[in-house]
Amino acid sequence: MNVRRRLIPAALVSALGLGALTACSSDSAASGNTDKFDVVASFYPMAFLAEQIGGDHANVTSLTEPGQEPHDLEISTQQRAQLEEADAALYLKGLQPAVDEAVGQTGIKTKIDAAGLTHLEDHGTGGHAHEGEEGHAEEEGHAEEEEHARDPHVWLDPVKYAEIAQGVGKAFEKADPDHAADYKKNTEALVKKLNGLNGDFENGLKNTKTKVFFTNHAAFGYLAERYGLTQEAISGLDPESEPSAARVRELQQEAKADGVTTVFYETLVSDKTAKTLARDANLKTDVLDPLEGITDKSRGDDYFQVMEANLKALQAALGAK
């Protein structure tokens, strides 16, 4: 296999205790120096792509443990060494600043930024992109603000996720040409499944009583835009931020005006704020999973199962006909 190895001296491995680096699952192989194409992914949606595309040729590990909130990740010395040993790093710039910094500092040859494989938009707390703003800022400061405001949650739109998958597949083919044909085949199969998922969402959300849904944080802007819905988030892109009293009153009024029945919360973040709003506005609560990690609380074992569960939850909340 034409893959350049980056080795860590044995003394450093011993000192850091890297003899048994954990991978995505507890029974996975060590992250580096295997006889496979070693990929370190930043968090679950990137690891899932790497596993689906890499197939039998890739050894995939994740920097974010199952159940860990990815936005809060801090990179340890052990994980920096893990990156140095890998053949490729797959991450989503803008979601995890600690990962962006660590990947930038490492000498790893193949760095795949998923954010550069599709188009990111500014969704704010609502469900509508600010069309025409990106790339047209008159002042440099304004352009920087736009960059920081762009929504990284692209994996929740099957179409954009498929675009990223195609880019990752090409990067794998280039980095490990001995298995390029298999990577290409696996990518095509994955894209086909994602296209099918897109069709399920299009058909399942075509006719609904309302188009507005409330979420704990603004993770579903791309999904909302894709299927003609409006996301209203209690907080912004940061799942830990607290909403103002004015924002809560605004949502209570909108729930009545738009026929909103449900406040969605998620598995990796506290549901306290969502349940408080639901109680005060006499609404139901349910889970809409942003798929930042798979745990025993997830409604499914992988990306496709959880997305299908999300579709059913949306259909129930929006009154699908």
C-alpha atoms as a PDB file:
ATOM      1  CA  MET A   1       0.000   0.000   0.000  1.00  0.00           C
ATOM      2  CA  ASN A   2       1.382   3.369  -1.003  1.00  0.00           C
ATOM      3  CA  VAL A   3       0.870   5.044   2.344  1.00  0.00           C
ATOM      4  CA  ARG A   4       3.526   7.058   4.053  1.00  0.00           C
ATOM      5  CA  ARG A   5       3.910   6.085   7.704  1.00  0.00           C
ATOM      6  CA  ARG A   6       4.597   8.629  10.417  1.00  0.00           C
ATOM      7  CA  LEU A   7       6.111   6.824  13.363  1.00  0.00           C
ATOM      8  CA  ILE A   8       6.443   7.920  16.968  1.00  0.00           C
ATOM      9  CA  PRO A   9       9.608   6.830  18.783  1.00  0.00           C
ATOM     10  CA  ALA A  10       9.070   3.786  21.006  1.00  0.00           C
ATOM     11  CA  ALA A  11      10.188   5.688  24.096  1.00  0.00           C
ATOM     12  CA  LEU A  12       7.524   8.327  23.534  1.00  0.00           C
ATOM     13  CA  VAL A  13       4.865   5.680  22.975  1.00  0.00           C
ATOM     14  CA  SER A  14       5.827   4.048  26.250  1.00  0.00           C
ATOM     15  CA  ALA A  15       5.915   7.330  28.114  1.00  0.00           C
ATOM     16  CA  LEU A  16       2.507   8.378  26.897  1.00  0.00           C
ATOM     17  CA  GLY A  17       0.965   4.958  27.377  1.00  0.00           C
ATOM     18  CA  LEU A  18      -0.109   4.648  23.755  1.00  0.00           C
ATOM     19  CA  GLY A  19       0.086   0.896  23.595  1.00  0.00           C
ATOM     20  CA  ALA A  20      -3.690   0.542  23.444  1.00  0.00           C
ATOM     21  CA  LEU A  21      -5.207   3.629  21.878  1.00  0.00           C
ATOM     22  CA  THR A  22      -8.953   3.230  21.728  1.00  0.00           C
ATOM     23  CA  ALA A  23     -10.791   3.379  18.423  1.00  0.00           C
ATOM     24  CA  CYS A  24     -14.405   4.109  17.452  1.00  0.00           C
ATOM     25  CA  SER A  25     -15.550   0.893  19.062  1.00  0.00           C
ATOM     26  CA  SER A  26     -14.040  -0.935  21.988  1.00  0.00           C
ATOM     27  CA  ASP A  27     -12.871  -3.879  19.898  1.00  0.00           C
ATOM     28  CA  SER A  28     -11.187  -1.828  17.170  1.00  0.00           C
ATOM     29  CA  ALA A  29      -7.483  -2.005  16.476  1.00  0.00           C
ATOM     30  CA  ALA A  30      -4.984   0.607  17.626  1.00  0.00           C
ATOM     31  CA  SER A  31      -5.140   3.814  15.645  1.00  0.00           C
ATOM     32  CA  GLY A  32      -1.704   3.908  14.023  1.00  0.00           C
ATOM     33  CA  ASN A  33       0.855   1.618  12.487  1.00  0.00           C
ATOM     34  CA  THR A  34      -1.660  -1.018  11.457  1.00  0.00           C
ATOM     35  CA  ASP A  35      -1.398  -2.721   8.073  1.00  0.00           C
ATOM     36  CA  LYS A  36      -4.475  -0.778   6.975  1.00  0.00           C
ATOM     37  CA  PHE A  37      -5.172   2.813   5.916  1.00  0.00           C
ATOM     38  CA  ASP A  38      -5.294   4.510   9.318  1.00  0.00           C
ATOM     39  CA  VAL A  39      -7.843   7.327   9.540  1.00  0.00           C
ATOM     40  CA  VAL A  40      -8.453   9.534  12.566  1.00  0.00           C
ATOM     41  CA  ALA A  41     -11.895  11.161  12.420  1.00  0.00           C
ATOM     42  CA  SER A  42     -12.961  14.114  14.539  1.00  0.00           C
ATOM     43  CA  PHE A  43     -16.398  12.834  15.599  1.00  0.00           C
ATOM     44  CA  TYR A  44     -19.137  10.380  14.645  1.00  0.00           C
ATOM     45  CA  PRO A  45     -20.423  11.756  11.294  1.00  0.00           C
ATOM     46  CA  MET A  46     -16.848  11.875   9.980  1.00  0.00           C
ATOM     47  CA  ALA A  47     -15.996   8.447  11.408  1.00  0.00           C
ATOM     48  CA  PHE A  48     -19.119   6.964   9.798  1.00  0.00           C
ATOM     49  CA  LEU A  49     -18.087   8.295   6.388  1.00  0.00           C
ATOM     50  CA  ALA A  50     -14.568   6.939   6.808  1.00  0.00           C
ATOM     51  CA  GLU A  51     -15.844   3.507   7.834  1.00  0.00           C
ATOM     52  CA  GLN A  52     -18.386   3.284   5.012  1.00  0.00           C
ATOM     53  CA  ILE A  53     -15.923   4.420   2.346  1.00  0.00           C
ATOM     54  CA  GLY A  54     -12.801   2.777   3.752  1.00  0.00           C
ATOM     55  CA  GLY A  55     -14.466  -0.577   4.254  1.00  0.00           C
ATOM     56  CA  ASP A  56     -12.077  -3.442   4.963  1.00  0.00           C
ATOM     57  CA  HIS A  57      -9.041  -1.367   3.979  1.00  0.00           C
ATOM     58  CA  ALA A  58      -9.393   1.342   6.640  1.00  0.00           C
ATOM     59  CA  ASN A  59      -8.793   1.386  10.367  1.00  0.00           C
ATOM     60  CA  VAL A  60     -10.922   4.262  11.672  1.00  0.00           C
ATOM     61  CA  THR A  61     -10.719   5.880  15.097  1.00  0.00           C
ATOM     62  CA  SER A  62     -12.597   8.859  16.511  1.00  0.00           C
ATOM     63  CA  LEU A  63     -11.229  11.674  18.659  1.00  0.00           C
ATOM     64  CA  THR A  64     -14.674  12.121  20.247  1.00  0.00           C
ATOM     65  CA  GLU A  65     -15.878   9.301  22.487  1.00  0.00           C
ATOM     66  CA  PRO A  66     -19.486   8.053  22.209  1.00  0.00           C
ATOM     67  CA  GLY A  67     -21.665  10.198  24.457  1.00  0.00           C
ATOM     68  CA  GLN A  68     -19.183  13.077  24.562  1.00  0.00           C
ATOM     69  CA  GLU A  69     -20.495  16.457  23.391  1.00  0.00           C
ATOM     70  CA  PRO A  70     -18.208  17.154  20.391  1.00  0.00           C
ATOM     71  CA  HIS A  71     -18.259  20.949  20.724  1.00  0.00           C
ATOM     72  CA  ASP A  72     -16.531  20.615  24.116  1.00  0.00           C
ATOM     73  CA  LEU A  73     -13.705  18.326  22.987  1.00  0.00           C
ATOM     74  CA  GLU A  74     -10.194  19.105  24.184  1.00  0.00           C
ATOM     75  CA  ILE A  75      -7.304  17.294  22.499  1.00  0.00           C
ATOM     76  CA  SER A  76      -4.988  15.354  24.815  1.00  0.00           C
ATOM     77  CA  THR A  77      -1.278  14.703  24.282  1.00  0.00           C
ATOM     78  CA  GLN A  78      -2.252  11.106  23.599  1.00  0.00           C
ATOM     79  CA  GLN A  79      -4.629  12.155  20.828  1.00  0.00           C
ATOM     80  CA  ARG A  80      -2.044  14.461  19.254  1.00  0.00           C
ATOM     81  CA  ALA A  81       0.269  11.477  19.039  1.00  0.00           C
ATOM     82  CA  GLN A  82      -2.607   9.462  17.584  1.00  0.00           C
ATOM     83  CA  LEU A  83      -2.949  12.048  14.818  1.00  0.00           C
ATOM     84  CA  GLU A  84       0.768  11.967  14.060  1.00  0.00           C
ATOM     85  CA  GLU A  85       0.643   8.191  13.555  1.00  0.00           C
ATOM     86  CA  ALA A  86      -2.358   8.248  11.222  1.00  0.00           C
ATOM     87  CA  ASP A  87      -2.345   8.191   7.430  1.00  0.00           C
ATOM     88  CA  ALA A  88      -5.258  10.646   7.191  1.00  0.00           C
ATOM     89  CA  ALA A  89      -7.313  13.006   9.349  1.00  0.00           C
ATOM     90  CA  LEU A  90     -10.978  13.629   8.528  1.00  0.00           C
ATOM     91  CA  TYR A  91     -12.589  16.568  10.323  1.00  0.00           C
ATOM     92  CA  LEU A  92     -15.123  19.380   9.925  1.00  0.00           C
ATOM     93  CA  LYS A  93     -13.465  22.752  10.345  1.00  0.00           C
ATOM     94  CA  GLY A  94     -15.415  25.173  12.485  1.00  0.00           C
ATOM     95  CA  LEU A  95     -17.200  22.618  14.665  1.00  0.00           C
ATOM     96  CA  GLN A  96     -14.386  21.674  17.065  1.00  0.00           C
ATOM     97  CA  PRO A  97     -11.722  24.399  17.439  1.00  0.00           C
ATOM     98  CA  ALA A  98      -9.409  22.081  19.377  1.00  0.00           C
ATOM     99  CA  VAL A  99      -9.417  19.596  16.494  1.00  0.00           C
ATOM    100  CA  ASP A 100      -8.803  22.337  13.923  1.00  0.00           C
ATOM    101  CA  GLU A 101      -5.753  23.462  15.879  1.00  0.00           C
ATOM    102  CA  ALA A 102      -4.381  19.958  16.435  1.00  0.00           C
ATOM    103  CA  VAL A 103      -4.780  18.909  12.794  1.00  0.00           C
ATOM    104  CA  GLY A 104      -3.150  22.155  11.660  1.00  0.00           C
ATOM    105  CA  GLN A 105      -0.124  21.522  13.830  1.00  0.00           C
ATOM    106  CA  THR A 106       0.367  17.882  12.908  1.00  0.00           C
ATOM    107  CA  GLY A 107       2.611  16.680  10.125  1.00  0.00           C
ATOM    108  CA  ILE A 108       0.020  14.258   8.788  1.00  0.00           C
ATOM    109  CA  LYS A 109       0.073  14.186   4.992  1.00  0.00           C
ATOM    110  CA  THR A 110      -3.627  13.776   4.173  1.00  0.00           C
ATOM    111  CA  LYS A 111      -5.874  16.328   5.902  1.00  0.00           C
ATOM    112  CA  ILE A 112      -9.497  16.176   4.748  1.00  0.00           C
ATOM    113  CA  ASP A 113     -11.671  19.122   5.785  1.00  0.00           C
ATOM    114  CA  ALA A 114     -15.298  18.178   5.158  1.00  0.00           C
ATOM    115  CA  ALA A 115     -16.321  21.848   5.337  1.00  0.00           C
ATOM    116  CA  GLY A 116     -14.337  22.424   2.151  1.00  0.00           C
ATOM    117  CA  LEU A 117     -16.216  19.690   0.288  1.00  0.00           C
ATOM    118  CA  THR A 118     -19.616  21.401   0.330  1.00  0.00           C
ATOM    119  CA  HIS A 119     -21.071  24.895   0.808  1.00  0.00           C
ATOM    120  CA  LEU A 120     -21.616  26.177   4.355  1.00  0.00           C
ATOM    121  CA  GLU A 121     -24.332  28.729   5.076  1.00  0.00           C
ATOM    122  CA  ASP A 122     -25.321  31.108   7.857  1.00  0.00           C
ATOM    123  CA  HIS A 123     -28.515  29.867   9.466  1.00  0.00           C
ATOM    124  CA  GLY A 124     -28.470  31.735  12.763  1.00  0.00           C
ATOM    125  CA  THR A 125     -31.209  30.522  15.114  1.00  0.00           C
ATOM    126  CA  GLY A 126     -33.883  30.182  12.470  1.00  0.00           C
ATOM    127  CA  GLY A 127     -34.354  27.928   9.489  1.00  0.00           C
ATOM    128  CA  HIS A 128     -33.638  30.362   6.653  1.00  0.00           C
ATOM    129  CA  ALA A 129     -30.235  30.971   5.137  1.00  0.00           C
ATOM    130  CA  HIS A 130     -29.212  34.566   4.582  1.00  0.00           C
ATOM    131  CA  GLU A 131     -29.037  34.349   0.844  1.00  0.00           C
ATOM    132  CA  GLY A 132     -26.682  36.615  -0.989  1.00  0.00           C
ATOM    133  CA  GLU A 133     -24.664  37.612   2.059  1.00  0.00           C
ATOM    134  CA  GLU A 134     -21.805  35.147   1.796  1.00  0.00           C
ATOM    135  CA  GLY A 135     -18.891  36.297  -0.272  1.00  0.00           C
ATOM    136  CA  HIS A 136     -20.264  39.815  -0.656  1.00  0.00           C
ATOM    137  CA  ALA A 137     -19.158  41.480   2.559  1.00  0.00           C
ATOM    138  CA  GLU A 138     -17.968  45.001   1.930  1.00  0.00           C
ATOM    139  CA  GLU A 139     -15.686  45.110   4.902  1.00  0.00           C
ATOM    140  CA  GLU A 140     -13.109  42.615   6.042  1.00  0.00           C
ATOM    141  CA  GLY A 141     -14.557  42.530   9.560  1.00  0.00           C
ATOM    142  CA  HIS A 142     -17.987  41.685   8.214  1.00  0.00           C
ATOM    143  CA  ALA A 143     -16.524  38.841   6.181  1.00  0.00           C
ATOM    144  CA  GLU A 144     -14.884  37.413   9.291  1.00  0.00           C
ATOM    145  CA  GLU A 145     -18.191  37.543  11.159  1.00  0.00           C
ATOM    146  CA  GLU A 146     -19.864  35.661   8.315  1.00  0.00           C
ATOM    147  CA  GLU A 147     -17.175  32.984   8.473  1.00  0.00           C
ATOM    148  CA  HIS A 148     -17.657  32.461  12.194  1.00  0.00           C
ATOM    149  CA  ALA A 149     -21.470  32.361  11.843  1.00  0.00           C
ATOM    150  CA  ARG A 150     -21.574  29.595   9.242  1.00  0.00           C
ATOM    151  CA  ASP A 151     -23.450  26.510  10.336  1.00  0.00           C
ATOM    152  CA  PRO A 152     -21.290  23.339  10.424  1.00  0.00           C
ATOM    153  CA  HIS A 153     -24.148  20.809  10.812  1.00  0.00           C
ATOM    154  CA  VAL A 154     -24.091  19.730   7.151  1.00  0.00           C
ATOM    155  CA  TRP A 155     -24.353  15.985   7.817  1.00  0.00           C
ATOM    156  CA  LEU A 156     -28.041  16.409   8.733  1.00  0.00           C
ATOM    157  CA  ASP A 157     -28.790  17.208   5.081  1.00  0.00           C
ATOM    158  CA  PRO A 158     -28.390  13.903   3.177  1.00  0.00           C
ATOM    159  CA  VAL A 159     -27.635  15.774  -0.064  1.00  0.00           C
ATOM    160  CA  LYS A 160     -24.771  17.777   1.427  1.00  0.00           C
ATOM    161  CA  TYR A 161     -23.540  14.709   3.309  1.00  0.00           C
ATOM    162  CA  ALA A 162     -23.409  12.883  -0.033  1.00  0.00           C
ATOM    163  CA  GLU A 163     -21.334  15.724  -1.499  1.00  0.00           C
ATOM    164  CA  ILE A 164     -18.893  15.369   1.381  1.00  0.00           C
ATOM    165  CA  ALA A 165     -18.832  11.588   0.922  1.00  0.00           C
ATOM    166  CA  GLN A 166     -17.810  12.001  -2.708  1.00  0.00           C
ATOM    167  CA  GLY A 167     -14.964  14.321  -1.717  1.00  0.00           C
ATOM    168  CA  VAL A 168     -13.785  11.966   1.007  1.00  0.00           C
ATOM    169  CA  GLY A 169     -13.845   9.073  -1.436  1.00  0.00           C
ATOM    170  CA  LYS A 170     -11.617  10.930  -3.882  1.00  0.00           C
ATOM    171  CA  ALA A 171      -9.219  11.855  -1.075  1.00  0.00           C
ATOM    172  CA  PHE A 172      -8.977   8.207  -0.002  1.00  0.00           C
ATOM    173  CA  GLU A 173      -8.336   7.136  -3.599  1.00  0.00           C
ATOM    174  CA  LYS A 174      -5.474   9.617  -3.876  1.00  0.00           C
ATOM    175  CA  ALA A 175      -3.943   8.795  -0.492  1.00  0.00           C
ATOM    176  CA  ASP A 176      -4.178   5.006  -0.905  1.00  0.00           C
ATOM    177  CA  PRO A 177      -4.206   4.306  -4.657  1.00  0.00           C
ATOM    178  CA  ASP A 178      -3.741   0.553  -4.205  1.00  0.00           C
ATOM    179  CA  HIS A 179      -7.360   0.334  -3.054  1.00  0.00           C
ATOM    180  CA  ALA A 180      -8.800   3.192  -5.096  1.00  0.00           C
ATOM    181  CA  ALA A 181     -11.272   0.986  -6.960  1.00  0.00           C
ATOM    182  CA  ASP A 182     -12.829  -0.250  -3.728  1.00  0.00           C
ATOM    183  CA  TYR A 183     -13.034   3.258  -2.268  1.00  0.00           C
ATOM    184  CA  LYS A 184     -14.796   4.422  -5.420  1.00  0.00           C
ATOM    185  CA  LYS A 185     -17.252   1.518  -5.275  1.00  0.00           C
ATOM    186  CA  ASN A 186     -17.972   2.057  -1.571  1.00  0.00           C
ATOM    187  CA  THR A 187     -18.499   5.790  -2.114  1.00  0.00           C
ATOM    188  CA  GLU A 188     -20.983   5.173  -4.910  1.00  0.00           C
ATOM    189  CA  ALA A 189     -22.927   2.737  -2.712  1.00  0.00           C
ATOM    190  CA  LEU A 190     -23.016   5.214   0.174  1.00  0.00           C
ATOM    191  CA  VAL A 191     -24.143   8.089  -2.057  1.00  0.00           C
ATOM    192  CA  LYS A 192     -26.913   5.891  -3.445  1.00  0.00           C
ATOM    193  CA  LYS A 193     -28.177   5.192   0.087  1.00  0.00           C
ATOM    194  CA  LEU A 194     -28.012   8.887   0.976  1.00  0.00           C
ATOM    195  CA  ASN A 195     -29.994   9.747  -2.162  1.00  0.00           C
ATOM    196  CA  GLY A 196     -32.587   7.221  -1.036  1.00  0.00           C
ATOM    197  CA  LEU A 197     -32.724   8.817   2.410  1.00  0.00           C
ATOM    198  CA  ASN A 198     -33.214  12.209   0.782  1.00  0.00           C
ATOM    199  CA  GLY A 199     -36.163  10.776  -1.143  1.00  0.00           C
ATOM    200  CA  ASP A 200     -37.676   9.435   2.079  1.00  0.00           C
ATOM    201  CA  PHE A 201     -37.475  12.889   3.684  1.00  0.00           C
ATOM    202  CA  GLU A 202     -38.847  14.661   0.610  1.00  0.00           C
ATOM    203  CA  ASN A 203     -41.861  12.357   0.390  1.00  0.00           C
ATOM    204  CA  GLY A 204     -42.381  12.094   4.137  1.00  0.00           C
ATOM    205  CA  LEU A 205     -42.407  15.847   4.784  1.00  0.00           C
ATOM    206  CA  LYS A 206     -44.132  17.024   1.608  1.00  0.00           C
ATOM    207  CA  ASN A 207     -47.614  17.419   3.125  1.00  0.00           C
ATOM    208  CA  THR A 208     -47.699  18.558   6.755  1.00  0.00           C
ATOM    209  CA  LYS A 209     -50.073  20.707   8.848  1.00  0.00           C
ATOM    210  CA  THR A 210     -47.253  23.008   9.917  1.00  0.00           C
ATOM    211  CA  LYS A 211     -43.744  23.667   8.610  1.00  0.00           C
ATOM    212  CA  VAL A 212     -42.314  25.053  11.863  1.00  0.00           C
ATOM    213  CA  PHE A 213     -40.455  23.028  14.484  1.00  0.00           C
ATOM    214  CA  PHE A 214     -38.696  24.032  17.712  1.00  0.00           C
ATOM    215  CA  THR A 215     -35.293  22.613  18.667  1.00  0.00           C
ATOM    216  CA  ASN A 216     -32.970  22.894  21.633  1.00  0.00           C
ATOM    217  CA  HIS A 217     -30.131  24.326  19.517  1.00  0.00           C
ATOM    218  CA  ALA A 218     -29.789  25.359  15.890  1.00  0.00           C
ATOM    219  CA  ALA A 219     -28.455  22.120  14.441  1.00  0.00           C
ATOM    220  CA  PHE A 220     -31.140  21.513  11.820  1.00  0.00           C
ATOM    221  CA  GLY A 221     -30.868  24.538   9.545  1.00  0.00           C
ATOM    222  CA  TYR A 222     -29.687  22.556   6.519  1.00  0.00           C
ATOM    223  CA  LEU A 223     -32.366  19.902   7.001  1.00  0.00           C
ATOM    224  CA  ALA A 224     -35.043  22.589   7.336  1.00  0.00           C
ATOM    225  CA  GLU A 225     -33.890  24.411   4.228  1.00  0.00           C
ATOM    226  CA  ARG A 226     -33.702  21.201   2.197  1.00  0.00           C
ATOM    227  CA  TYR A 227     -37.281  20.156   2.959  1.00  0.00           C
ATOM    228  CA  GLY A 228     -39.048  23.518   3.102  1.00  0.00           C
ATOM    229  CA  LEU A 229     -39.301  23.693   6.888  1.00  0.00           C
ATOM    230  CA  THR A 230     -38.520  26.421   9.411  1.00  0.00           C
ATOM    231  CA  GLN A 231     -36.344  25.622  12.404  1.00  0.00           C
ATOM    232  CA  GLU A 232     -36.720  27.845  15.453  1.00  0.00           C
ATOM    233  CA  ALA A 233     -34.031  27.165  18.038  1.00  0.00           C
ATOM    234  CA  ILE A 234     -34.277  27.967  21.720  1.00  0.00           C
ATOM    235  CA  SER A 235     -30.555  28.728  21.724  1.00  0.00           C
ATOM    236  CA  GLY A 236     -28.171  29.348  18.832  1.00  0.00           C
ATOM    237  CA  LEU A 237     -25.507  27.152  17.241  1.00  0.00           C
ATOM    238  CA  ASP A 238     -23.931  26.621  20.681  1.00  0.00           C
ATOM    239  CA  PRO A 239     -25.968  23.904  22.444  1.00  0.00           C
ATOM    240  CA  GLU A 240     -24.925  25.162  25.882  1.00  0.00           C
ATOM    241  CA  SER A 241     -26.057  28.782  25.444  1.00  0.00           C
ATOM    242  CA  GLU A 242     -29.052  29.988  27.465  1.00  0.00           C
ATOM    243  CA  PRO A 243     -31.972  31.747  25.737  1.00  0.00           C
ATOM    244  CA  SER A 244     -33.144  35.169  26.869  1.00  0.00           C
ATOM    245  CA  ALA A 245     -36.547  35.661  28.487  1.00  0.00           C
ATOM    246  CA  ALA A 246     -37.567  37.624  25.396  1.00  0.00           C
ATOM    247  CA  ARG A 247     -36.642  34.681  23.157  1.00  0.00           C
ATOM    248  CA  VAL A 248     -38.714  32.286  25.245  1.00  0.00           C
ATOM    249  CA  ARG A 249     -41.753  34.634  25.076  1.00  0.00           C
ATOM    250  CA  GLU A 250     -41.286  34.946  21.323  1.00  0.00           C
ATOM    251  CA  LEU A 251     -41.313  31.164  20.908  1.00  0.00           C
ATOM    252  CA  GLN A 252     -44.418  30.801  23.074  1.00  0.00           C
ATOM    253  CA  GLN A 253     -46.257  33.255  20.832  1.00  0.00           C
ATOM    254  CA  GLU A 254     -44.986  31.586  17.666  1.00  0.00           C
ATOM    255  CA  ALA A 255     -46.091  28.161  18.875  1.00  0.00           C
ATOM    256  CA  LYS A 256     -49.677  29.412  18.990  1.00  0.00           C
ATOM    257  CA  ALA A 257     -49.461  31.267  15.671  1.00  0.00           C
ATOM    258  CA  ASP A 258     -47.872  28.440  13.668  1.00  0.00           C
ATOM    259  CA  GLY A 259     -49.516  25.401  15.238  1.00  0.00           C
ATOM    260  CA  VAL A 260     -46.293  24.050  16.761  1.00  0.00           C
ATOM    261  CA  THR A 261     -46.979  20.949  18.844  1.00  0.00           C
ATOM    262  CA  THR A 262     -43.541  19.789  19.948  1.00  0.00           C
ATOM    263  CA  VAL A 263     -40.276  21.059  21.374  1.00  0.00           C
ATOM    264  CA  PHE A 264     -37.397  18.825  20.340  1.00  0.00           C
ATOM    265  CA  TYR A 265     -34.393  18.163  22.548  1.00  0.00           C
ATOM    266  CA  GLU A 266     -31.354  15.950  21.984  1.00  0.00           C
ATOM    267  CA  THR A 267     -29.506  13.116  23.660  1.00  0.00           C
ATOM    268  CA  LEU A 268     -26.108  14.708  24.399  1.00  0.00           C
ATOM    269  CA  VAL A 269     -27.306  18.040  25.838  1.00  0.00           C
ATOM    270  CA  SER A 270     -29.468  18.870  28.868  1.00  0.00           C
ATOM    271  CA  ASP A 271     -33.193  18.853  28.093  1.00  0.00           C
ATOM    272  CA  LYS A 272     -34.052  21.253  30.942  1.00  0.00           C
ATOM    273  CA  THR A 273     -34.644  24.375  28.820  1.00  0.00           C
ATOM    274  CA  ALA A 274     -36.653  22.509  26.189  1.00  0.00           C
ATOM    275  CA  LYS A 275     -38.896  20.905  28.789  1.00  0.00           C
ATOM    276  CA  THR A 276     -39.401  24.215  30.595  1.00  0.00           C
ATOM    277  CA  LEU A 277     -40.530  25.903  27.380  1.00  0.00           C
ATOM    278  CA  ALA A 278     -42.777  22.954  26.545  1.00  0.00           C
ATOM    279  CA  ARG A 279     -44.413  23.062  29.976  1.00  0.00           C
ATOM    280  CA  ASP A 280     -44.961  26.828  29.868  1.00  0.00           C
ATOM    281  CA  ALA A 281     -46.366  26.722  26.314  1.00  0.00           C
ATOM    282  CA  ASN A 282     -48.338  23.490  26.838  1.00  0.00           C
ATOM    283  CA  LEU A 283     -46.372  21.621  24.159  1.00  0.00           C
ATOM    284  CA  LYS A 284     -45.099  18.057  23.841  1.00  0.00           C
ATOM    285  CA  THR A 285     -41.417  17.099  23.878  1.00  0.00           C
ATOM    286  CA  ASP A 286     -39.569  14.579  21.733  1.00  0.00           C
ATOM    287  CA  VAL A 287     -36.035  13.766  20.599  1.00  0.00           C
ATOM    288  CA  LEU A 288     -34.591  15.077  17.343  1.00  0.00           C
ATOM    289  CA  ASP A 289     -31.081  13.687  17.235  1.00  0.00           C
ATOM    290  CA  PRO A 290     -28.334  15.907  15.733  1.00  0.00           C
ATOM    291  CA  LEU A 291     -26.276  12.742  15.284  1.00  0.00           C
ATOM    292  CA  GLU A 292     -23.113  14.084  16.852  1.00  0.00           C
ATOM    293  CA  GLY A 293     -22.580  10.704  18.492  1.00  0.00           C
ATOM    294  CA  ILE A 294     -24.220   7.286  18.885  1.00  0.00           C
ATOM    295  CA  THR A 295     -25.003   6.124  22.434  1.00  0.00           C
ATOM    296  CA  ASP A 296     -27.317   3.609  24.075  1.00  0.00           C
ATOM    297  CA  LYS A 297     -29.910   6.419  24.148  1.00  0.00           C
ATOM    298  CA  SER A 298     -29.822   6.835  20.357  1.00  0.00           C
ATOM    299  CA  ARG A 299     -32.821   5.687  18.341  1.00  0.00           C
ATOM    300  CA  GLY A 300     -30.737   3.465  16.117  1.00  0.00           C
ATOM    301  CA  ASP A 301     -27.284   1.984  15.724  1.00  0.00           C
ATOM    302  CA  ASP A 302     -25.980   4.112  12.859  1.00  0.00           C
ATOM    303  CA  TYR A 303     -26.516   7.272  10.819  1.00  0.00           C
ATOM    304  CA  PHE A 304     -29.282   5.873   8.618  1.00  0.00           C
ATOM    305  CA  GLN A 305     -31.325   4.355  11.444  1.00  0.00           C
ATOM    306  CA  VAL A 306     -31.196   7.547  13.512  1.00  0.00           C
ATOM    307  CA  MET A 307     -32.072   9.732  10.522  1.00  0.00           C
ATOM    308  CA  GLU A 308     -35.110   7.538   9.799  1.00  0.00           C
ATOM    309  CA  ALA A 309     -36.118   7.945  13.465  1.00  0.00           C
ATOM    310  CA  ASN A 310     -35.709  11.712  13.069  1.00  0.00           C
ATOM    311  CA  LEU A 311     -37.996  11.622  10.043  1.00  0.00           C
ATOM    312  CA  LYS A 312     -40.712   9.796  11.992  1.00  0.00           C
ATOM    313  CA  ALA A 313     -40.400  12.288  14.869  1.00  0.00           C
ATOM    314  CA  LEU A 314     -40.753  15.221  12.480  1.00  0.00           C
ATOM    315  CA  GLN A 315     -43.720  13.650  10.718  1.00  0.00           C
ATOM    316  CA  ALA A 316     -45.506  13.210  14.052  1.00  0.00           C
ATOM    317  CA  ALA A 317     -44.701  16.735  15.265  1.00  0.00           C
ATOM    318  CA  LEU A 318     -45.578  18.477  11.995  1.00  0.00           C
ATOM    319  CA  GLY A 319     -48.749  16.506  11.329  1.00  0.00           C
ATOM    320  CA  ALA A 320     -47.673  14.702   8.175  1.00  0.00           C
ATOM    321  CA  LYS A 321     -50.603  13.605   6.024  1.00  0.00           C
END
